[in-house]
Amino acid sequence: MGRKRFDEMPCAIAQTLNQVGDWWTLLIVRDAMKGARRFSDFHESTGIAKNILTDRLNKLVENNIMAREEVGVRGHRQEYILTKRGEALLPILIAMQQWGDEWVYNDANRPVELIDIRTGEKIAPLAVANESGAAVTHHDIGSVPECAAVTEYRAANSAS
């Protein structure tokens, strides 16, 4: 049984999960951000089965999160590099790591500390703020009128 896809759901979170929500995918992106480029780099760092790694890399390329680059003799060696779209996942990875540090490792036992290598300073906790810079919680967030696609989706799915 395959996982549910969210192709028809008009929700940015659902559509993001369609592109990077498979097991291993964000760990591959994490390793690319740390400098991994070759299939063997990703295989060694994650221990993922080669067939699954091939599938995830292909999907990342298909979704324009990574690009495949020929190196050496054509067709014999490839490297994978993050696109701007892939690099834009950095805040998501940082947020996930910071959440895990606090709620899984209880801050005291975190396996690594993220730092700015230019200054040695720790990475500040991510926070959600409004345009003025004031902190916002989920209690403070609303939405503006939805687009027609959302209205149609909700109408079609409320009947079932």
N, C-alpha and C. Protein backbone atom coordinates (compact mmCIF):
# COMPACT_ATOMS: atom_id res chain seq x y z
N MET A 1 0.85 -1.18 0.00
CA MET A 1 0.00 0.00 0.00
C MET A 1 0.89 1.24 0.00
N GLY A 2 0.73 2.10 -1.00
CA GLY A 2 1.49 3.33 -1.08
C GLY A 2 0.91 4.39 -0.17
N ARG A 3 1.69 5.39 0.09
CA ARG A 3 1.20 6.46 0.94
C ARG A 3 0.23 7.33 0.17
N LYS A 4 -0.63 8.01 0.89
CA LYS A 4 -1.60 8.90 0.27
C LYS A 4 -0.86 10.10 -0.32
N ARG A 5 -1.29 10.48 -1.51
CA ARG A 5 -0.75 11.69 -2.14
C ARG A 5 -1.76 12.80 -1.96
N PHE A 6 -1.29 14.01 -2.02
CA PHE A 6 -2.14 15.17 -1.79
C PHE A 6 -2.27 16.04 -3.04
N ASP A 7 -2.21 15.41 -4.20
CA ASP A 7 -2.21 16.16 -5.47
C ASP A 7 -3.38 17.13 -5.60
N GLU A 8 -4.53 16.76 -5.13
CA GLU A 8 -5.72 17.59 -5.31
C GLU A 8 -5.99 18.54 -4.14
N MET A 9 -5.24 18.41 -3.07
CA MET A 9 -5.49 19.22 -1.89
C MET A 9 -4.85 20.60 -2.05
N PRO A 10 -5.63 21.66 -2.03
CA PRO A 10 -5.09 23.01 -2.20
C PRO A 10 -4.52 23.55 -0.89
N CYS A 11 -3.38 23.01 -0.51
CA CYS A 11 -2.73 23.38 0.75
C CYS A 11 -1.23 23.33 0.53
N ALA A 12 -0.54 24.40 0.85
CA ALA A 12 0.90 24.46 0.63
C ALA A 12 1.66 23.40 1.42
N ILE A 13 1.19 23.10 2.62
CA ILE A 13 1.85 22.07 3.43
C ILE A 13 1.69 20.71 2.75
N ALA A 14 0.50 20.39 2.30
CA ALA A 14 0.26 19.12 1.61
C ALA A 14 1.10 19.02 0.35
N GLN A 15 1.16 20.08 -0.42
CA GLN A 15 1.94 20.05 -1.66
C GLN A 15 3.44 19.94 -1.37
N THR A 16 3.91 20.55 -0.30
CA THR A 16 5.31 20.40 0.10
C THR A 16 5.59 18.95 0.49
N LEU A 17 4.67 18.34 1.23
CA LEU A 17 4.84 16.93 1.59
C LEU A 17 4.88 16.04 0.36
N ASN A 18 4.12 16.38 -0.67
CA ASN A 18 4.19 15.61 -1.92
C ASN A 18 5.60 15.62 -2.49
N GLN A 19 6.32 16.70 -2.30
CA GLN A 19 7.64 16.83 -2.91
C GLN A 19 8.78 16.39 -2.01
N VAL A 20 8.66 16.58 -0.71
CA VAL A 20 9.78 16.24 0.17
C VAL A 20 9.37 15.42 1.39
N GLY A 21 8.15 14.85 1.38
CA GLY A 21 7.66 14.16 2.56
C GLY A 21 7.93 12.67 2.63
N ASP A 22 8.59 12.10 1.62
CA ASP A 22 8.91 10.68 1.68
C ASP A 22 10.04 10.44 2.69
N TRP A 23 10.03 9.23 3.27
CA TRP A 23 11.13 8.84 4.14
C TRP A 23 12.44 9.08 3.41
N TRP A 24 13.42 9.53 4.09
CA TRP A 24 14.78 9.74 3.61
C TRP A 24 14.99 11.04 2.85
N THR A 25 13.96 11.60 2.24
CA THR A 25 14.15 12.73 1.34
C THR A 25 14.81 13.92 2.02
N LEU A 26 14.32 14.33 3.18
CA LEU A 26 14.92 15.49 3.84
C LEU A 26 16.32 15.19 4.38
N LEU A 27 16.59 13.91 4.67
CA LEU A 27 17.95 13.57 5.09
C LEU A 27 18.92 13.68 3.92
N ILE A 28 18.45 13.37 2.73
CA ILE A 28 19.28 13.54 1.53
C ILE A 28 19.53 15.03 1.30
N VAL A 29 18.49 15.85 1.44
CA VAL A 29 18.66 17.30 1.30
C VAL A 29 19.60 17.82 2.38
N ARG A 30 19.44 17.35 3.61
CA ARG A 30 20.35 17.74 4.71
C ARG A 30 21.80 17.46 4.32
N ASP A 31 22.05 16.27 3.81
CA ASP A 31 23.42 15.90 3.46
C ASP A 31 23.94 16.71 2.28
N ALA A 32 23.06 17.05 1.34
CA ALA A 32 23.46 17.92 0.23
C ALA A 32 23.87 19.29 0.75
N MET A 33 23.16 19.77 1.76
CA MET A 33 23.51 21.07 2.36
C MET A 33 24.85 21.00 3.09
N LYS A 34 25.22 19.81 3.52
CA LYS A 34 26.51 19.62 4.19
C LYS A 34 27.63 19.34 3.19
N GLY A 35 27.30 19.27 1.89
CA GLY A 35 28.33 19.11 0.88
C GLY A 35 28.32 17.80 0.11
N ALA A 36 27.44 16.87 0.46
CA ALA A 36 27.37 15.62 -0.29
C ALA A 36 26.91 15.93 -1.72
N ARG A 37 27.51 15.25 -2.69
CA ARG A 37 27.16 15.49 -4.09
C ARG A 37 27.00 14.19 -4.88
N ARG A 38 27.71 13.17 -4.50
CA ARG A 38 27.71 11.91 -5.26
C ARG A 38 26.77 10.90 -4.62
N PHE A 39 26.28 10.01 -5.45
CA PHE A 39 25.42 8.92 -4.98
C PHE A 39 26.07 8.23 -3.79
N SER A 40 27.35 7.92 -3.93
CA SER A 40 28.06 7.21 -2.86
C SER A 40 28.11 8.03 -1.57
N ASP A 41 28.19 9.36 -1.67
CA ASP A 41 28.19 10.21 -0.48
C ASP A 41 26.87 10.03 0.29
N PHE A 42 25.76 10.09 -0.44
CA PHE A 42 24.44 9.97 0.19
C PHE A 42 24.24 8.57 0.75
N HIS A 43 24.69 7.57 0.00
CA HIS A 43 24.55 6.18 0.45
C HIS A 43 25.34 5.95 1.74
N GLU A 44 26.56 6.44 1.76
CA GLU A 44 27.42 6.25 2.93
C GLU A 44 26.89 6.99 4.15
N SER A 45 26.42 8.22 3.97
CA SER A 45 25.99 9.00 5.13
C SER A 45 24.65 8.55 5.71
N THR A 46 23.77 8.01 4.87
CA THR A 46 22.44 7.63 5.35
C THR A 46 22.29 6.13 5.57
N GLY A 47 23.01 5.31 4.80
CA GLY A 47 22.82 3.87 4.87
C GLY A 47 21.55 3.41 4.16
N ILE A 48 20.93 4.30 3.41
CA ILE A 48 19.70 4.00 2.69
C ILE A 48 19.96 2.96 1.60
N ALA A 49 19.00 2.09 1.35
CA ALA A 49 19.13 1.09 0.28
C ALA A 49 19.30 1.82 -1.06
N LYS A 50 20.12 1.26 -1.93
CA LYS A 50 20.45 1.92 -3.19
C LYS A 50 19.23 2.17 -4.06
N ASN A 51 18.28 1.23 -4.09
CA ASN A 51 17.09 1.44 -4.92
C ASN A 51 16.23 2.58 -4.40
N ILE A 52 16.13 2.71 -3.08
CA ILE A 52 15.36 3.80 -2.48
C ILE A 52 16.08 5.13 -2.71
N LEU A 53 17.40 5.12 -2.55
CA LEU A 53 18.18 6.34 -2.79
C LEU A 53 18.03 6.80 -4.23
N THR A 54 18.10 5.88 -5.16
CA THR A 54 17.91 6.22 -6.58
C THR A 54 16.55 6.85 -6.79
N ASP A 55 15.52 6.26 -6.21
CA ASP A 55 14.16 6.79 -6.35
C ASP A 55 14.05 8.19 -5.76
N ARG A 56 14.59 8.41 -4.57
CA ARG A 56 14.48 9.72 -3.91
C ARG A 56 15.27 10.77 -4.67
N LEU A 57 16.46 10.44 -5.15
CA LEU A 57 17.24 11.40 -5.93
C LEU A 57 16.52 11.76 -7.22
N ASN A 58 15.94 10.76 -7.89
CA ASN A 58 15.19 11.03 -9.11
C ASN A 58 14.01 11.96 -8.85
N LYS A 59 13.31 11.74 -7.74
CA LYS A 59 12.17 12.61 -7.41
C LYS A 59 12.63 14.02 -7.06
N LEU A 60 13.75 14.14 -6.37
CA LEU A 60 14.27 15.46 -6.04
C LEU A 60 14.66 16.22 -7.31
N VAL A 61 15.22 15.52 -8.27
CA VAL A 61 15.56 16.14 -9.56
C VAL A 61 14.28 16.50 -10.31
N GLU A 62 13.33 15.58 -10.35
CA GLU A 62 12.05 15.80 -11.03
C GLU A 62 11.31 17.02 -10.45
N ASN A 63 11.42 17.22 -9.15
CA ASN A 63 10.74 18.34 -8.48
C ASN A 63 11.61 19.60 -8.42
N ASN A 64 12.74 19.59 -9.15
CA ASN A 64 13.62 20.75 -9.23
C ASN A 64 14.15 21.19 -7.87
N ILE A 65 14.37 20.24 -6.98
CA ILE A 65 14.96 20.52 -5.69
C ILE A 65 16.47 20.26 -5.77
N MET A 66 16.83 19.30 -6.60
CA MET A 66 18.23 19.03 -6.90
C MET A 66 18.37 18.95 -8.42
N ALA A 67 19.58 19.18 -8.88
CA ALA A 67 19.89 19.03 -10.30
C ALA A 67 20.97 17.97 -10.43
N ARG A 68 20.87 17.19 -11.50
CA ARG A 68 21.85 16.15 -11.79
C ARG A 68 22.86 16.76 -12.75
N GLU A 69 24.13 16.61 -12.41
CA GLU A 69 25.21 17.19 -13.22
C GLU A 69 26.15 16.07 -13.68
N GLU A 70 26.40 16.01 -14.97
CA GLU A 70 27.35 15.02 -15.50
C GLU A 70 28.77 15.48 -15.16
N VAL A 71 29.57 14.57 -14.65
CA VAL A 71 30.98 14.88 -14.39
C VAL A 71 31.82 13.75 -14.98
N GLY A 72 32.98 14.06 -15.43
CA GLY A 72 33.83 13.05 -16.03
C GLY A 72 33.28 12.60 -17.36
N VAL A 73 33.43 11.32 -17.66
CA VAL A 73 32.96 10.75 -18.92
C VAL A 73 31.43 10.75 -18.91
N ARG A 74 30.84 11.28 -19.97
CA ARG A 74 29.38 11.44 -20.05
C ARG A 74 28.66 10.13 -19.72
N GLY A 75 27.72 10.24 -18.80
CA GLY A 75 26.88 9.10 -18.43
C GLY A 75 27.51 8.14 -17.44
N HIS A 76 28.78 8.36 -17.10
CA HIS A 76 29.45 7.42 -16.20
C HIS A 76 29.48 7.91 -14.75
N ARG A 77 29.42 9.21 -14.58
CA ARG A 77 29.41 9.74 -13.21
C ARG A 77 28.55 10.98 -13.16
N GLN A 78 27.74 11.04 -12.11
CA GLN A 78 26.86 12.18 -11.92
C GLN A 78 27.01 12.69 -10.50
N GLU A 79 26.76 13.97 -10.36
CA GLU A 79 26.69 14.58 -9.04
C GLU A 79 25.34 15.27 -8.92
N TYR A 80 24.90 15.44 -7.69
CA TYR A 80 23.62 16.07 -7.41
C TYR A 80 23.88 17.35 -6.64
N ILE A 81 23.31 18.43 -7.13
CA ILE A 81 23.50 19.71 -6.45
C ILE A 81 22.12 20.32 -6.15
N LEU A 82 22.05 21.03 -5.06
CA LEU A 82 20.81 21.69 -4.70
C LEU A 82 20.54 22.86 -5.63
N THR A 83 19.30 23.02 -6.01
CA THR A 83 18.87 24.19 -6.76
C THR A 83 18.50 25.28 -5.74
N LYS A 84 18.14 26.45 -6.21
CA LYS A 84 17.66 27.50 -5.29
C LYS A 84 16.43 27.01 -4.53
N ARG A 85 15.60 26.27 -5.23
CA ARG A 85 14.40 25.70 -4.60
C ARG A 85 14.79 24.75 -3.47
N GLY A 86 15.83 23.95 -3.69
CA GLY A 86 16.30 23.04 -2.65
C GLY A 86 16.95 23.78 -1.50
N GLU A 87 17.75 24.79 -1.82
CA GLU A 87 18.40 25.59 -0.77
C GLU A 87 17.37 26.30 0.10
N ALA A 88 16.21 26.61 -0.47
CA ALA A 88 15.15 27.29 0.29
C ALA A 88 14.54 26.39 1.37
N LEU A 89 14.89 25.11 1.39
CA LEU A 89 14.41 24.20 2.44
C LEU A 89 15.19 24.35 3.75
N LEU A 90 16.25 25.14 3.74
CA LEU A 90 17.08 25.29 4.95
C LEU A 90 16.26 25.65 6.19
N PRO A 91 15.38 26.64 6.15
CA PRO A 91 14.63 26.95 7.39
C PRO A 91 13.80 25.78 7.89
N ILE A 92 13.28 24.96 6.98
CA ILE A 92 12.50 23.79 7.39
C ILE A 92 13.40 22.81 8.14
N LEU A 93 14.58 22.56 7.61
CA LEU A 93 15.51 21.63 8.26
C LEU A 93 15.97 22.17 9.60
N ILE A 94 16.26 23.46 9.67
CA ILE A 94 16.69 24.07 10.94
C ILE A 94 15.55 23.96 11.96
N ALA A 95 14.33 24.28 11.54
CA ALA A 95 13.19 24.19 12.45
C ALA A 95 13.00 22.77 12.96
N MET A 96 13.14 21.79 12.07
CA MET A 96 13.00 20.39 12.49
C MET A 96 14.09 20.00 13.47
N GLN A 97 15.32 20.43 13.20
CA GLN A 97 16.40 20.10 14.12
C GLN A 97 16.19 20.77 15.48
N GLN A 98 15.79 22.03 15.47
CA GLN A 98 15.58 22.72 16.74
C GLN A 98 14.42 22.11 17.52
N TRP A 99 13.37 21.68 16.81
CA TRP A 99 12.26 21.01 17.48
C TRP A 99 12.76 19.71 18.12
N GLY A 100 13.54 18.92 17.35
CA GLY A 100 14.07 17.67 17.87
C GLY A 100 15.01 17.88 19.05
N ASP A 101 15.83 18.93 18.97
CA ASP A 101 16.73 19.23 20.09
C ASP A 101 15.94 19.46 21.37
N GLU A 102 14.85 20.21 21.27
CA GLU A 102 14.07 20.53 22.46
C GLU A 102 13.16 19.40 22.91
N TRP A 103 12.43 18.79 21.97
CA TRP A 103 11.37 17.86 22.35
C TRP A 103 11.77 16.39 22.29
N VAL A 104 12.81 16.05 21.56
CA VAL A 104 13.27 14.66 21.51
C VAL A 104 14.49 14.49 22.41
N TYR A 105 15.45 15.38 22.27
CA TYR A 105 16.69 15.28 23.05
C TYR A 105 16.67 16.08 24.33
N ASN A 106 15.61 16.86 24.55
CA ASN A 106 15.48 17.64 25.77
C ASN A 106 16.64 18.62 25.94
N ASP A 107 17.12 19.16 24.86
CA ASP A 107 18.21 20.14 24.78
C ASP A 107 19.54 19.65 25.38
N ALA A 108 19.50 18.94 26.47
CA ALA A 108 20.74 18.54 27.14
C ALA A 108 21.54 17.50 26.36
N ASN A 109 20.89 16.64 25.64
CA ASN A 109 21.56 15.52 25.00
C ASN A 109 21.62 15.64 23.48
N ARG A 110 21.46 16.84 22.96
CA ARG A 110 21.44 17.01 21.50
C ARG A 110 22.74 16.49 20.90
N PRO A 111 22.63 15.80 19.76
CA PRO A 111 23.83 15.20 19.16
C PRO A 111 24.78 16.22 18.53
N VAL A 112 24.27 17.32 18.03
CA VAL A 112 25.13 18.34 17.42
C VAL A 112 24.61 19.73 17.77
N GLU A 113 25.47 20.70 17.67
CA GLU A 113 25.10 22.10 17.87
C GLU A 113 25.34 22.81 16.54
N LEU A 114 24.36 23.51 16.04
CA LEU A 114 24.52 24.24 14.79
C LEU A 114 25.18 25.59 15.06
N ILE A 115 26.20 25.88 14.27
CA ILE A 115 26.89 27.16 14.43
C ILE A 115 27.10 27.82 13.07
N ASP A 116 27.30 29.12 13.10
CA ASP A 116 27.69 29.88 11.92
C ASP A 116 29.21 29.73 11.82
N ILE A 117 29.70 29.04 10.78
CA ILE A 117 31.14 28.76 10.70
C ILE A 117 31.96 30.03 10.46
N ARG A 118 31.32 31.11 10.05
CA ARG A 118 32.04 32.36 9.85
C ARG A 118 32.39 33.02 11.17
N THR A 119 31.52 32.86 12.18
CA THR A 119 31.70 33.57 13.45
C THR A 119 31.83 32.64 14.65
N GLY A 120 31.40 31.38 14.51
CA GLY A 120 31.38 30.46 15.64
C GLY A 120 30.14 30.61 16.50
N GLU A 121 29.26 31.55 16.16
CA GLU A 121 28.06 31.77 16.95
C GLU A 121 27.04 30.66 16.71
N LYS A 122 26.27 30.33 17.76
CA LYS A 122 25.20 29.36 17.63
C LYS A 122 24.10 29.93 16.74
N ILE A 123 23.37 29.04 16.07
CA ILE A 123 22.22 29.45 15.28
C ILE A 123 21.07 29.75 16.24
N ALA A 124 20.47 30.93 16.10
CA ALA A 124 19.38 31.35 16.98
C ALA A 124 18.14 30.50 16.72
N PRO A 125 17.34 30.29 17.75
CA PRO A 125 16.09 29.55 17.56
C PRO A 125 15.20 30.28 16.54
N LEU A 126 14.60 29.51 15.65
CA LEU A 126 13.67 30.09 14.69
C LEU A 126 12.38 30.45 15.41
N ALA A 127 11.79 31.53 14.97
CA ALA A 127 10.53 31.97 15.55
C ALA A 127 9.65 32.51 14.44
N VAL A 128 8.36 32.47 14.66
CA VAL A 128 7.41 33.02 13.70
C VAL A 128 7.06 34.43 14.15
N ALA A 129 7.11 35.35 13.21
CA ALA A 129 6.82 36.75 13.53
C ALA A 129 5.97 37.35 12.43
N ASN A 130 5.25 38.41 12.76
CA ASN A 130 4.51 39.14 11.73
C ASN A 130 5.48 40.10 11.02
N GLU A 131 4.98 40.84 10.06
CA GLU A 131 5.85 41.74 9.29
C GLU A 131 6.52 42.80 10.15
N SER A 132 5.93 43.14 11.29
CA SER A 132 6.52 44.14 12.18
C SER A 132 7.58 43.54 13.09
N GLY A 133 7.69 42.21 13.08
CA GLY A 133 8.69 41.55 13.91
C GLY A 133 8.17 41.03 15.23
N ALA A 134 6.88 41.23 15.52
CA ALA A 134 6.31 40.74 16.77
C ALA A 134 6.08 39.23 16.69
N ALA A 135 6.38 38.53 17.78
CA ALA A 135 6.19 37.08 17.83
C ALA A 135 4.72 36.72 17.62
N VAL A 136 4.51 35.60 16.93
CA VAL A 136 3.17 35.12 16.62
C VAL A 136 3.08 33.65 16.99
N THR A 137 1.97 33.26 17.63
CA THR A 137 1.72 31.84 17.90
C THR A 137 0.58 31.38 17.00
N HIS A 138 0.27 30.10 17.06
CA HIS A 138 -0.84 29.59 16.25
C HIS A 138 -2.17 30.22 16.65
N HIS A 139 -2.28 30.73 17.86
CA HIS A 139 -3.51 31.40 18.29
C HIS A 139 -3.70 32.74 17.58
N ASP A 140 -2.63 33.32 17.08
CA ASP A 140 -2.66 34.64 16.46
C ASP A 140 -2.81 34.61 14.95
N ILE A 141 -2.81 33.43 14.36
CA ILE A 141 -2.79 33.34 12.90
C ILE A 141 -4.18 33.10 12.35
N GLY A 142 -4.54 33.90 11.37
CA GLY A 142 -5.80 33.74 10.64
C GLY A 142 -5.47 33.62 9.17
N SER A 143 -6.47 33.69 8.33
CA SER A 143 -6.20 33.63 6.90
C SER A 143 -7.11 34.60 6.17
N VAL A 144 -6.68 35.01 5.02
CA VAL A 144 -7.47 35.90 4.18
C VAL A 144 -8.40 35.04 3.33
N PRO A 145 -9.36 35.64 2.66
CA PRO A 145 -10.28 34.81 1.86
C PRO A 145 -9.54 33.81 0.98
N GLU A 146 -10.08 32.61 0.95
CA GLU A 146 -9.44 31.53 0.20
C GLU A 146 -9.73 31.63 -1.29
N CYS A 147 -8.88 31.00 -2.06
CA CYS A 147 -9.08 31.00 -3.51
C CYS A 147 -10.20 30.03 -3.87
N ALA A 148 -10.68 30.11 -5.08
CA ALA A 148 -11.79 29.27 -5.54
C ALA A 148 -11.46 27.78 -5.44
N ALA A 149 -10.21 27.41 -5.69
CA ALA A 149 -9.82 26.00 -5.65
C ALA A 149 -10.04 25.41 -4.25
N VAL A 150 -9.74 26.18 -3.21
CA VAL A 150 -9.92 25.71 -1.85
C VAL A 150 -11.42 25.54 -1.55
N THR A 151 -12.20 26.52 -1.95
CA THR A 151 -13.65 26.44 -1.74
C THR A 151 -14.23 25.22 -2.43
N GLU A 152 -13.83 24.97 -3.67
CA GLU A 152 -14.31 23.81 -4.43
C GLU A 152 -13.87 22.51 -3.77
N TYR A 153 -12.62 22.43 -3.32
CA TYR A 153 -12.10 21.23 -2.67
C TYR A 153 -12.89 20.93 -1.41
N ARG A 154 -13.11 21.96 -0.59
CA ARG A 154 -13.84 21.75 0.66
C ARG A 154 -15.28 21.31 0.40
N ALA A 155 -15.91 21.91 -0.59
CA ALA A 155 -17.29 21.53 -0.92
C ALA A 155 -17.36 20.09 -1.39
N ALA A 156 -16.41 19.68 -2.22
CA ALA A 156 -16.40 18.32 -2.75
C ALA A 156 -16.11 17.29 -1.67
N ASN A 157 -15.31 17.66 -0.67
CA ASN A 157 -14.92 16.70 0.35
C ASN A 157 -15.77 16.75 1.60
N SER A 158 -16.62 17.74 1.73
CA SER A 158 -17.48 17.80 2.93
C SER A 158 -18.71 16.89 2.77
N ALA A 159 -19.04 16.58 1.53
CA ALA A 159 -20.20 15.71 1.26
C ALA A 159 -19.91 14.25 1.61
N SER A 160 -18.62 13.87 1.63
CA SER A 160 -18.29 12.46 1.87
C SER A 160 -18.16 12.12 3.32
